[in-house]
PDB file of N, CA and C in Angstrom:
ATOM      1  N   MET A   1     187.873 105.275 147.178  1.00  0.00           N
ATOM      2  CA  MET A   1     187.716 105.764 148.534  1.00  0.00           C
ATOM      3  C   MET A   1     187.620 104.574 149.471  1.00  0.00           C
ATOM      4  N   PRO A   2     188.388 104.574 150.578  1.00  0.00           N
ATOM      5  CA  PRO A   2     188.344 103.448 151.512  1.00  0.00           C
ATOM      6  C   PRO A   2     186.962 103.309 152.144  1.00  0.00           C
ATOM      7  N   ASP A   3     186.635 102.077 152.516  1.00  0.00           N
ATOM      8  CA  ASP A   3     185.380 101.840 153.219  1.00  0.00           C
ATOM      9  C   ASP A   3     185.414 102.529 154.568  1.00  0.00           C
ATOM     10  N   ILE A   4     184.264 103.004 154.994  1.00  0.00           N
ATOM     11  CA  ILE A   4     184.132 103.598 156.318  1.00  0.00           C
ATOM     12  C   ILE A   4     183.298 102.651 157.147  1.00  0.00           C
ATOM     13  N   GLU A   5     183.786 102.320 158.317  1.00  0.00           N
ATOM     14  CA  GLU A   5     183.032 101.434 159.186  1.00  0.00           C
ATOM     15  C   GLU A   5     182.629 102.179 160.447  1.00  0.00           C
ATOM     16  N   LEU A   6     181.454 101.871 160.927  1.00  0.00           N
ATOM     17  CA  LEU A   6     180.975 102.475 162.154  1.00  0.00           C
ATOM     18  C   LEU A   6     181.278 101.532 163.293  1.00  0.00           C
ATOM     19  N   LYS A   7     181.776 102.079 164.379  1.00  0.00           N
ATOM     20  CA  LYS A   7     182.132 101.280 165.545  1.00  0.00           C
ATOM     21  C   LYS A   7     181.590 101.946 166.788  1.00  0.00           C
ATOM     22  N   TRP A   8     181.304 101.146 167.769  1.00  0.00           N
ATOM     23  CA  TRP A   8     181.011 101.648 169.103  1.00  0.00           C
ATOM     24  C   TRP A   8     182.268 101.441 169.919  1.00  0.00           C
ATOM     25  N   VAL A   9     182.730 102.478 170.563  1.00  0.00           N
ATOM     26  CA  VAL A   9     183.969 102.422 171.323  1.00  0.00           C
ATOM     27  C   VAL A   9     183.663 102.806 172.770  1.00  0.00           C
ATOM     28  N   ALA A  10     184.099 101.961 173.686  1.00  0.00           N
ATOM     29  CA  ALA A  10     183.951 102.296 175.105  1.00  0.00           C
ATOM     30  C   ALA A  10     185.180 103.069 175.527  1.00  0.00           C
ATOM     31  N   ALA A  11     184.981 104.231 176.089  1.00  0.00           N
ATOM     32  CA  ALA A  11     186.098 105.063 176.521  1.00  0.00           C
ATOM     33  C   ALA A  11     185.877 105.461 177.974  1.00  0.00           C
ATOM     34  N   SER A  12     186.864 105.248 178.767  1.00  0.00           N
ATOM     35  CA  SER A  12     186.769 105.643 180.167  1.00  0.00           C
ATOM     36  C   SER A  12     187.025 107.136 180.257  1.00  0.00           C
ATOM     37  N   THR A  13     186.110 107.845 180.893  1.00  0.00           N
ATOM     38  CA  THR A  13     186.252 109.294 180.995  1.00  0.00           C
ATOM     39  C   THR A  13     186.719 109.730 182.369  1.00  0.00           C
ATOM     40  N   LEU A  14     186.299 109.048 183.387  1.00  0.00           N
ATOM     41  CA  LEU A  14     186.698 109.322 184.755  1.00  0.00           C
ATOM     42  C   LEU A  14     186.877 107.984 185.455  1.00  0.00           C
ATOM     43  N   PRO A  15     187.709 107.916 186.475  1.00  0.00           N
ATOM     44  CA  PRO A  15     187.847 106.648 187.186  1.00  0.00           C
ATOM     45  C   PRO A  15     186.479 106.113 187.626  1.00  0.00           C
ATOM     46  N   GLY A  16     186.215 104.873 187.261  1.00  0.00           N
ATOM     47  CA  GLY A  16     184.969 104.238 187.661  1.00  0.00           C
ATOM     48  C   GLY A  16     183.784 104.532 186.761  1.00  0.00           C
ATOM     49  N   SER A  17     183.969 105.286 185.693  1.00  0.00           N
ATOM     50  CA  SER A  17     182.852 105.561 184.799  1.00  0.00           C
ATOM     51  C   SER A  17     183.252 105.253 183.368  1.00  0.00           C
ATOM     52  N   SER A  18     182.256 105.024 182.547  1.00  0.00           N
ATOM     53  CA  SER A  18     182.509 104.746 181.139  1.00  0.00           C
ATOM     54  C   SER A  18     181.527 105.519 180.282  1.00  0.00           C
ATOM     55  N   LEU A  19     181.905 105.783 179.095  1.00  0.00           N
ATOM     56  CA  LEU A  19     181.072 106.481 178.143  1.00  0.00           C
ATOM     57  C   LEU A  19     181.137 105.693 176.839  1.00  0.00           C
ATOM     58  N   LEU A  20     179.990 105.439 176.262  1.00  0.00           N
ATOM     59  CA  LEU A  20     179.940 104.728 174.992  1.00  0.00           C
ATOM     60  C   LEU A  20     179.877 105.761 173.877  1.00  0.00           C
ATOM     61  N   ILE A  21     180.812 105.690 172.988  1.00  0.00           N
ATOM     62  CA  ILE A  21     180.923 106.689 171.938  1.00  0.00           C
ATOM     63  C   ILE A  21     180.823 106.004 170.582  1.00  0.00           C
ATOM     64  N   ARG A  22     180.018 106.562 169.705  1.00  0.00           N
ATOM     65  CA  ARG A  22     179.949 106.048 168.342  1.00  0.00           C
ATOM     66  C   ARG A  22     180.959 106.818 167.514  1.00  0.00           C
ATOM     67  N   THR A  23     181.824 106.109 166.868  1.00  0.00           N
ATOM     68  CA  THR A  23     182.853 106.769 166.071  1.00  0.00           C
ATOM     69  C   THR A  23     182.818 106.262 164.642  1.00  0.00           C
ATOM     70  N   MET A  24     183.263 107.088 163.743  1.00  0.00           N
ATOM     71  CA  MET A  24     183.453 106.662 162.360  1.00  0.00           C
ATOM     72  C   MET A  24     184.937 106.440 162.173  1.00  0.00           C
ATOM     73  N   CYS A  25     185.291 105.252 161.738  1.00  0.00           N
ATOM     74  CA  CYS A  25     186.697 104.910 161.545  1.00  0.00           C
ATOM     75  C   CYS A  25     186.930 104.634 160.070  1.00  0.00           C
ATOM     76  N   GLN A  26     187.905 105.295 159.525  1.00  0.00           N
ATOM     77  CA  GLN A  26     188.282 105.057 158.140  1.00  0.00           C
ATOM     78  C   GLN A  26     189.601 104.306 158.153  1.00  0.00           C
ATOM     79  N   PRO A  27     189.597 103.038 157.743  1.00  0.00           N
ATOM     80  CA  PRO A  27     190.849 102.272 157.763  1.00  0.00           C
ATOM     81  C   PRO A  27     191.930 102.975 156.943  1.00  0.00           C
ATOM     82  N   SER A  28     193.109 103.088 157.520  1.00  0.00           N
ATOM     83  CA  SER A  28     194.185 103.823 156.846  1.00  0.00           C
ATOM     84  C   SER A  28     195.221 102.906 156.212  1.00  0.00           C
ATOM     85  N   GLY A  29     195.101 101.614 156.424  1.00  0.00           N
ATOM     86  CA  GLY A  29     196.116 100.686 155.943  1.00  0.00           C
ATOM     87  C   GLY A  29     196.401 100.767 154.457  1.00  0.00           C
ATOM     88  N   ASP A  30     195.382 101.119 153.666  1.00  0.00           N
ATOM     89  CA  ASP A  30     195.562 101.146 152.215  1.00  0.00           C
ATOM     90  C   ASP A  30     196.286 102.390 151.714  1.00  0.00           C
ATOM     91  N   TRP A  31     196.273 103.473 152.478  1.00  0.00           N
ATOM     92  CA  TRP A  31     196.809 104.729 151.950  1.00  0.00           C
ATOM     93  C   TRP A  31     197.826 105.416 152.852  1.00  0.00           C
ATOM     94  N   ILE A  32     197.933 105.040 154.101  1.00  0.00           N
ATOM     95  CA  ILE A  32     198.781 105.789 155.033  1.00  0.00           C
ATOM     96  C   ILE A  32     200.253 105.804 154.596  1.00  0.00           C
ATOM     97  N   GLY A  33     200.717 104.738 153.983  1.00  0.00           N
ATOM     98  CA  GLY A  33     202.103 104.677 153.520  1.00  0.00           C
ATOM     99  C   GLY A  33     202.393 105.593 152.345  1.00  0.00           C
ATOM    100  N   ASP A  34     201.345 106.146 151.725  1.00  0.00           N
ATOM    101  CA  ASP A  34     201.517 107.054 150.592  1.00  0.00           C
ATOM    102  C   ASP A  34     201.660 108.512 151.013  1.00  0.00           C
ATOM    103  N   VAL A  35     201.520 108.793 152.296  1.00  0.00           N
ATOM    104  CA  VAL A  35     201.677 110.177 152.768  1.00  0.00           C
ATOM    105  C   VAL A  35     203.109 110.605 152.459  1.00  0.00           C
ATOM    106  N   ASP A  36     203.245 111.703 151.734  1.00  0.00           N
ATOM    107  CA  ASP A  36     204.577 112.121 151.285  1.00  0.00           C
ATOM    108  C   ASP A  36     204.879 113.581 151.634  1.00  0.00           C
ATOM    109  N   VAL A  37     204.318 114.039 152.723  1.00  0.00           N
ATOM    110  CA  VAL A  37     204.590 115.390 153.209  1.00  0.00           C
ATOM    111  C   VAL A  37     205.178 115.281 154.611  1.00  0.00           C
ATOM    112  N   PRO A  38     205.924 116.288 155.045  1.00  0.00           N
ATOM    113  CA  PRO A  38     206.449 116.240 156.409  1.00  0.00           C
ATOM    114  C   PRO A  38     205.317 116.031 157.415  1.00  0.00           C
ATOM    115  N   THR A  39     205.526 115.094 158.314  1.00  0.00           N
ATOM    116  CA  THR A  39     204.474 114.709 159.262  1.00  0.00           C
ATOM    117  C   THR A  39     205.067 114.550 160.648  1.00  0.00           C
ATOM    118  N   SER A  40     204.371 115.084 161.636  1.00  0.00           N
ATOM    119  CA  SER A  40     204.720 114.882 163.037  1.00  0.00           C
ATOM    120  C   SER A  40     203.486 114.383 163.761  1.00  0.00           C
ATOM    121  N   ILE A  41     203.683 113.467 164.667  1.00  0.00           N
ATOM    122  CA  ILE A  41     202.614 112.910 165.484  1.00  0.00           C
ATOM    123  C   ILE A  41     202.849 113.363 166.920  1.00  0.00           C
ATOM    124  N   VAL A  42     201.829 113.947 167.542  1.00  0.00           N
ATOM    125  CA  VAL A  42     201.890 114.236 168.967  1.00  0.00           C
ATOM    126  C   VAL A  42     201.214 113.058 169.648  1.00  0.00           C
ATOM    127  N   CYS A  43     202.008 112.243 170.315  1.00  0.00           N
ATOM    128  CA  CYS A  43     201.532 111.007 170.941  1.00  0.00           C
ATOM    129  C   CYS A  43     201.197 111.260 172.408  1.00  0.00           C
ATOM    130  N   THR A  44     199.956 111.021 172.765  1.00  0.00           N
ATOM    131  CA  THR A  44     199.517 111.137 174.158  1.00  0.00           C
ATOM    132  C   THR A  44     199.726 109.775 174.816  1.00  0.00           C
ATOM    133  N   THR A  45     200.771 109.672 175.613  1.00  0.00           N
ATOM    134  CA  THR A  45     201.241 108.369 176.099  1.00  0.00           C
ATOM    135  C   THR A  45     200.357 107.734 177.160  1.00  0.00           C
ATOM    136  N   GLU A  46     199.417 108.493 177.707  1.00  0.00           N
ATOM    137  CA  GLU A  46     198.513 107.941 178.715  1.00  0.00           C
ATOM    138  C   GLU A  46     197.074 107.895 178.201  1.00  0.00           C
ATOM    139  N   ASP A  47     196.925 107.914 176.899  1.00  0.00           N
ATOM    140  CA  ASP A  47     195.614 107.965 176.250  1.00  0.00           C
ATOM    141  C   ASP A  47     194.889 106.630 176.387  1.00  0.00           C
ATOM    142  N   ARG A  48     193.630 106.687 176.820  1.00  0.00           N
ATOM    143  CA  ARG A  48     192.798 105.490 176.879  1.00  0.00           C
ATOM    144  C   ARG A  48     191.712 105.532 175.812  1.00  0.00           C
ATOM    145  N   GLY A  49     191.662 106.614 175.041  1.00  0.00           N
ATOM    146  CA  GLY A  49     190.716 106.724 173.936  1.00  0.00           C
ATOM    147  C   GLY A  49     191.323 106.214 172.641  1.00  0.00           C
ATOM    148  N   VAL A  50     192.559 106.597 172.373  1.00  0.00           N
ATOM    149  CA  VAL A  50     193.328 106.098 171.227  1.00  0.00           C
ATOM    150  C   VAL A  50     194.639 105.576 171.799  1.00  0.00           C
ATOM    151  N   ALA A  51     194.806 104.285 171.785  1.00  0.00           N
ATOM    152  CA  ALA A  51     195.969 103.659 172.407  1.00  0.00           C
ATOM    153  C   ALA A  51     197.269 104.238 171.854  1.00  0.00           C
ATOM    154  N   PRO A  52     198.235 104.522 172.742  1.00  0.00           N
ATOM    155  CA  PRO A  52     199.530 105.018 172.271  1.00  0.00           C
ATOM    156  C   PRO A  52     200.168 104.094 171.222  1.00  0.00           C
ATOM    157  N   SER A  53     199.959 102.795 171.344  1.00  0.00           N
ATOM    158  CA  SER A  53     200.527 101.869 170.353  1.00  0.00           C
ATOM    159  C   SER A  53     199.954 102.135 168.963  1.00  0.00           C
ATOM    160  N   LEU A  54     198.689 102.526 168.868  1.00  0.00           N
ATOM    161  CA  LEU A  54     198.094 102.855 167.564  1.00  0.00           C
ATOM    162  C   LEU A  54     198.629 104.182 167.037  1.00  0.00           C
ATOM    163  N   GLN A  55     198.836 105.135 167.936  1.00  0.00           N
ATOM    164  CA  GLN A  55     199.411 106.413 167.525  1.00  0.00           C
ATOM    165  C   GLN A  55     200.818 106.202 166.968  1.00  0.00           C
ATOM    166  N   LEU A  56     201.605 105.375 167.651  1.00  0.00           N
ATOM    167  CA  LEU A  56     202.971 105.103 167.204  1.00  0.00           C
ATOM    168  C   LEU A  56     202.990 104.293 165.910  1.00  0.00           C
ATOM    169  N   ALA A  57     202.035 103.382 165.761  1.00  0.00           N
ATOM    170  CA  ALA A  57     201.945 102.604 164.517  1.00  0.00           C
ATOM    171  C   ALA A  57     201.646 103.528 163.333  1.00  0.00           C
ATOM    172  N   THR A  58     200.827 104.535 163.559  1.00  0.00           N
ATOM    173  CA  THR A  58     200.544 105.514 162.509  1.00  0.00           C
ATOM    174  C   THR A  58     201.823 106.247 162.124  1.00  0.00           C
ATOM    175  N   ALA A  59     202.578 106.675 163.121  1.00  0.00           N
ATOM    176  CA  ALA A  59     203.834 107.373 162.847  1.00  0.00           C
ATOM    177  C   ALA A  59     204.811 106.475 162.084  1.00  0.00           C
ATOM    178  N   GLN A  60     204.887 105.218 162.471  1.00  0.00           N
ATOM    179  CA  GLN A  60     205.807 104.293 161.807  1.00  0.00           C
ATOM    180  C   GLN A  60     205.395 104.002 160.369  1.00  0.00           C
ATOM    181  N   ALA A  61     204.110 104.108 160.079  1.00  0.00           N
ATOM    182  CA  ALA A  61     203.622 103.835 158.728  1.00  0.00           C
ATOM    183  C   ALA A  61     203.876 104.988 157.761  1.00  0.00           C
ATOM    184  N   ILE A  62     204.197 106.161 158.299  1.00  0.00           N
ATOM    185  CA  ILE A  62     204.437 107.337 157.456  1.00  0.00           C
ATOM    186  C   ILE A  62     205.939 107.580 157.385  1.00  0.00           C
ATOM    187  N   ARG A  63     206.483 107.452 156.199  1.00  0.00           N
ATOM    188  CA  ARG A  63     207.919 107.611 156.001  1.00  0.00           C
ATOM    189  C   ARG A  63     208.395 108.964 156.507  1.00  0.00           C
ATOM    190  N   GLY A  64     209.363 108.953 157.420  1.00  0.00           N
ATOM    191  CA  GLY A  64     209.968 110.180 157.917  1.00  0.00           C
ATOM    192  C   GLY A  64     209.188 110.891 159.011  1.00  0.00           C
ATOM    193  N   ALA A  65     208.078 110.319 159.445  1.00  0.00           N
ATOM    194  CA  ALA A  65     207.291 110.975 160.497  1.00  0.00           C
ATOM    195  C   ALA A  65     208.083 111.019 161.796  1.00  0.00           C
ATOM    196  N   THR A  66     207.903 112.096 162.536  1.00  0.00           N
ATOM    197  CA  THR A  66     208.531 112.211 163.842  1.00  0.00           C
ATOM    198  C   THR A  66     207.453 112.134 164.913  1.00  0.00           C
ATOM    199  N   VAL A  67     207.861 111.768 166.116  1.00  0.00           N
ATOM    200  CA  VAL A  67     206.935 111.623 167.235  1.00  0.00           C
ATOM    201  C   VAL A  67     207.339 112.585 168.345  1.00  0.00           C
ATOM    202  N   HIS A  68     206.349 113.295 168.854  1.00  0.00           N
ATOM    203  CA  HIS A  68     206.532 114.215 169.966  1.00  0.00           C
ATOM    204  C   HIS A  68     205.556 113.772 171.039  1.00  0.00           C
ATOM    205  N   SER A  69     206.076 113.301 172.150  1.00  0.00           N
ATOM    206  CA  SER A  69     205.237 112.693 173.182  1.00  0.00           C
ATOM    207  C   SER A  69     204.852 113.689 174.265  1.00  0.00           C
ATOM    208  N   VAL A  70     203.665 113.467 174.808  1.00  0.00           N
ATOM    209  CA  VAL A  70     203.208 114.212 175.968  1.00  0.00           C
ATOM    210  C   VAL A  70     202.590 113.193 176.928  1.00  0.00           C
ATOM    211  N   ALA A  71     203.045 113.225 178.170  1.00  0.00           N
ATOM    212  CA  ALA A  71     202.573 112.269 179.180  1.00  0.00           C
ATOM    213  C   ALA A  71     201.219 112.732 179.705  1.00  0.00           C
ATOM    214  N   ASP A  72     200.182 112.442 178.927  1.00  0.00           N
ATOM    215  CA  ASP A  72     198.830 112.848 179.293  1.00  0.00           C
ATOM    216  C   ASP A  72     197.857 111.972 178.521  1.00  0.00           C
ATOM    217  N   GLY A  73     196.592 112.147 178.808  1.00  0.00           N
ATOM    218  CA  GLY A  73     195.549 111.344 178.193  1.00  0.00           C
ATOM    219  C   GLY A  73     194.933 111.989 176.965  1.00  0.00           C
ATOM    220  N   HIS A  74     193.746 111.489 176.610  1.00  0.00           N
ATOM    221  CA  HIS A  74     193.077 111.861 175.371  1.00  0.00           C
ATOM    222  C   HIS A  74     192.720 113.349 175.304  1.00  0.00           C
ATOM    223  N   LEU A  75     192.492 113.968 176.424  1.00  0.00           N
ATOM    224  CA  LEU A  75     192.138 115.384 176.444  1.00  0.00           C
ATOM    225  C   LEU A  75     193.346 116.272 176.721  1.00  0.00           C
ATOM    226  N   ALA A  76     194.511 115.795 176.358  1.00  0.00           N
ATOM    227  CA  ALA A  76     195.765 116.511 176.627  1.00  0.00           C
ATOM    228  C   ALA A  76     195.761 117.929 176.081  1.00  0.00           C
ATOM    229  N   CYS A  77     195.121 118.136 174.957  1.00  0.00           N
ATOM    230  CA  CYS A  77     195.161 119.467 174.339  1.00  0.00           C
ATOM    231  C   CYS A  77     194.476 120.531 175.189  1.00  0.00           C
ATOM    232  N   ALA A  78     193.754 120.117 176.218  1.00  0.00           N
ATOM    233  CA  ALA A  78     193.118 121.074 177.124  1.00  0.00           C
ATOM    234  C   ALA A  78     194.063 121.505 178.245  1.00  0.00           C
ATOM    235  N   ASN A  79     195.251 120.924 178.292  1.00  0.00           N
ATOM    236  CA  ASN A  79     196.226 121.229 179.337  1.00  0.00           C
ATOM    237  C   ASN A  79     197.389 122.045 178.770  1.00  0.00           C
ATOM    238  N   ALA A  80     197.909 122.940 179.569  1.00  0.00           N
ATOM    239  CA  ALA A  80     199.009 123.807 179.129  1.00  0.00           C
ATOM    240  C   ALA A  80     200.246 123.016 178.718  1.00  0.00           C
ATOM    241  N   ARG A  81     200.493 121.868 179.344  1.00  0.00           N
ATOM    242  CA  ARG A  81     201.711 121.110 179.018  1.00  0.00           C
ATOM    243  C   ARG A  81     201.680 120.506 177.611  1.00  0.00           C
ATOM    244  N   PHE A  82     200.529 120.578 176.945  1.00  0.00           N
ATOM    245  CA  PHE A  82     200.425 120.101 175.564  1.00  0.00           C
ATOM    246  C   PHE A  82     201.122 121.054 174.599  1.00  0.00           C
ATOM    247  N   ALA A  83     201.269 122.309 175.006  1.00  0.00           N
ATOM    248  CA  ALA A  83     201.793 123.338 174.107  1.00  0.00           C
ATOM    249  C   ALA A  83     203.209 123.031 173.614  1.00  0.00           C
ATOM    250  N   ASP A  84     204.097 122.637 174.500  1.00  0.00           N
ATOM    251  CA  ASP A  84     205.492 122.417 174.086  1.00  0.00           C
ATOM    252  C   ASP A  84     205.623 121.318 173.032  1.00  0.00           C
ATOM    253  N   PRO A  85     205.022 120.124 173.233  1.00  0.00           N
ATOM    254  CA  PRO A  85     205.131 119.107 172.181  1.00  0.00           C
ATOM    255  C   PRO A  85     204.436 119.531 170.882  1.00  0.00           C
ATOM    256  N   LEU A  86     203.322 120.253 170.993  1.00  0.00           N
ATOM    257  CA  LEU A  86     202.625 120.710 169.787  1.00  0.00           C
ATOM    258  C   LEU A  86     203.473 121.702 169.002  1.00  0.00           C
ATOM    259  N   VAL A  87     204.055 122.665 169.692  1.00  0.00           N
ATOM    260  CA  VAL A  87     204.914 123.643 169.024  1.00  0.00           C
ATOM    261  C   VAL A  87     206.121 122.941 168.410  1.00  0.00           C
ATOM    262  N   ALA A  88     206.719 122.000 169.135  1.00  0.00           N
ATOM    263  CA  ALA A  88     207.863 121.250 168.597  1.00  0.00           C
ATOM    264  C   ALA A  88     207.470 120.489 167.331  1.00  0.00           C
ATOM    265  N   ALA A  89     206.289 119.882 167.338  1.00  0.00           N
ATOM    266  CA  ALA A  89     205.818 119.140 166.164  1.00  0.00           C
ATOM    267  C   ALA A  89     205.606 120.076 164.977  1.00  0.00           C
ATOM    268  N   CYS A  90     205.005 121.225 165.233  1.00  0.00           N
ATOM    269  CA  CYS A  90     204.771 122.201 164.159  1.00  0.00           C
ATOM    270  C   CYS A  90     206.076 122.757 163.588  1.00  0.00           C
ATOM    271  N   LEU A  91     207.004 123.099 164.466  1.00  0.00           N
ATOM    272  CA  LEU A  91     208.297 123.601 164.009  1.00  0.00           C
ATOM    273  C   LEU A  91     209.073 122.548 163.237  1.00  0.00           C
ATOM    274  N   ASP A  92     208.950 121.294 163.667  1.00  0.00           N
ATOM    275  CA  ASP A  92     209.610 120.186 162.986  1.00  0.00           C
ATOM    276  C   ASP A  92     209.087 120.075 161.550  1.00  0.00           C
ATOM    277  N   VAL A  93     207.759 120.103 161.402  1.00  0.00           N
ATOM    278  CA  VAL A  93     207.153 120.002 160.062  1.00  0.00           C
ATOM    279  C   VAL A  93     207.534 121.219 159.224  1.00  0.00           C
ATOM    280  N   ALA A  94     207.449 122.403 159.802  1.00  0.00           N
ATOM    281  CA  ALA A  94     207.797 123.623 159.055  1.00  0.00           C
ATOM    282  C   ALA A  94     209.242 123.604 158.590  1.00  0.00           C
ATOM    283  N   GLY A  95     210.129 123.070 159.427  1.00  0.00           N
ATOM    284  CA  GLY A  95     211.547 123.004 159.071  1.00  0.00           C
ATOM    285  C   GLY A  95     211.850 122.017 157.960  1.00  0.00           C
ATOM    286  N   ARG A  96     210.957 121.054 157.749  1.00  0.00           N
ATOM    287  CA  ARG A  96     211.167 120.054 156.695  1.00  0.00           C
ATOM    288  C   ARG A  96     210.371 120.338 155.433  1.00  0.00           C
ATOM    289  N   ALA A  97     209.486 121.325 155.485  1.00  0.00           N
ATOM    290  CA  ALA A  97     208.658 121.665 154.319  1.00  0.00           C
ATOM    291  C   ALA A  97     209.502 122.290 153.218  1.00  0.00           C
ATOM    292  N   THR A  98     209.145 121.994 152.006  1.00  0.00           N
ATOM    293  CA  THR A  98     209.891 122.578 150.862  1.00  0.00           C
ATOM    294  C   THR A  98     209.015 123.498 150.068  1.00  0.00           C
TER     295      THR A  98
END
């Protein structure tokens, strides 16, 4: 089992304010390349909680993963415009499942 490290992450929640969040991070470098099921990543391109570059790096580390982008931040799933990329990602995975 990979080591779990505890981190404090500063995340901007509103312009001019910050929130300190304690997160548990499990390093994926040792196992992410072994994912062998259809995978889609919904990338929030304006995310300040999880950098889009990290989301894309995750997708690139998984063989055959597809990326479905939504121009929104970390709380994108609370917005109606999240539905289309999410449905596309789900249909993509379902279409590749055996």
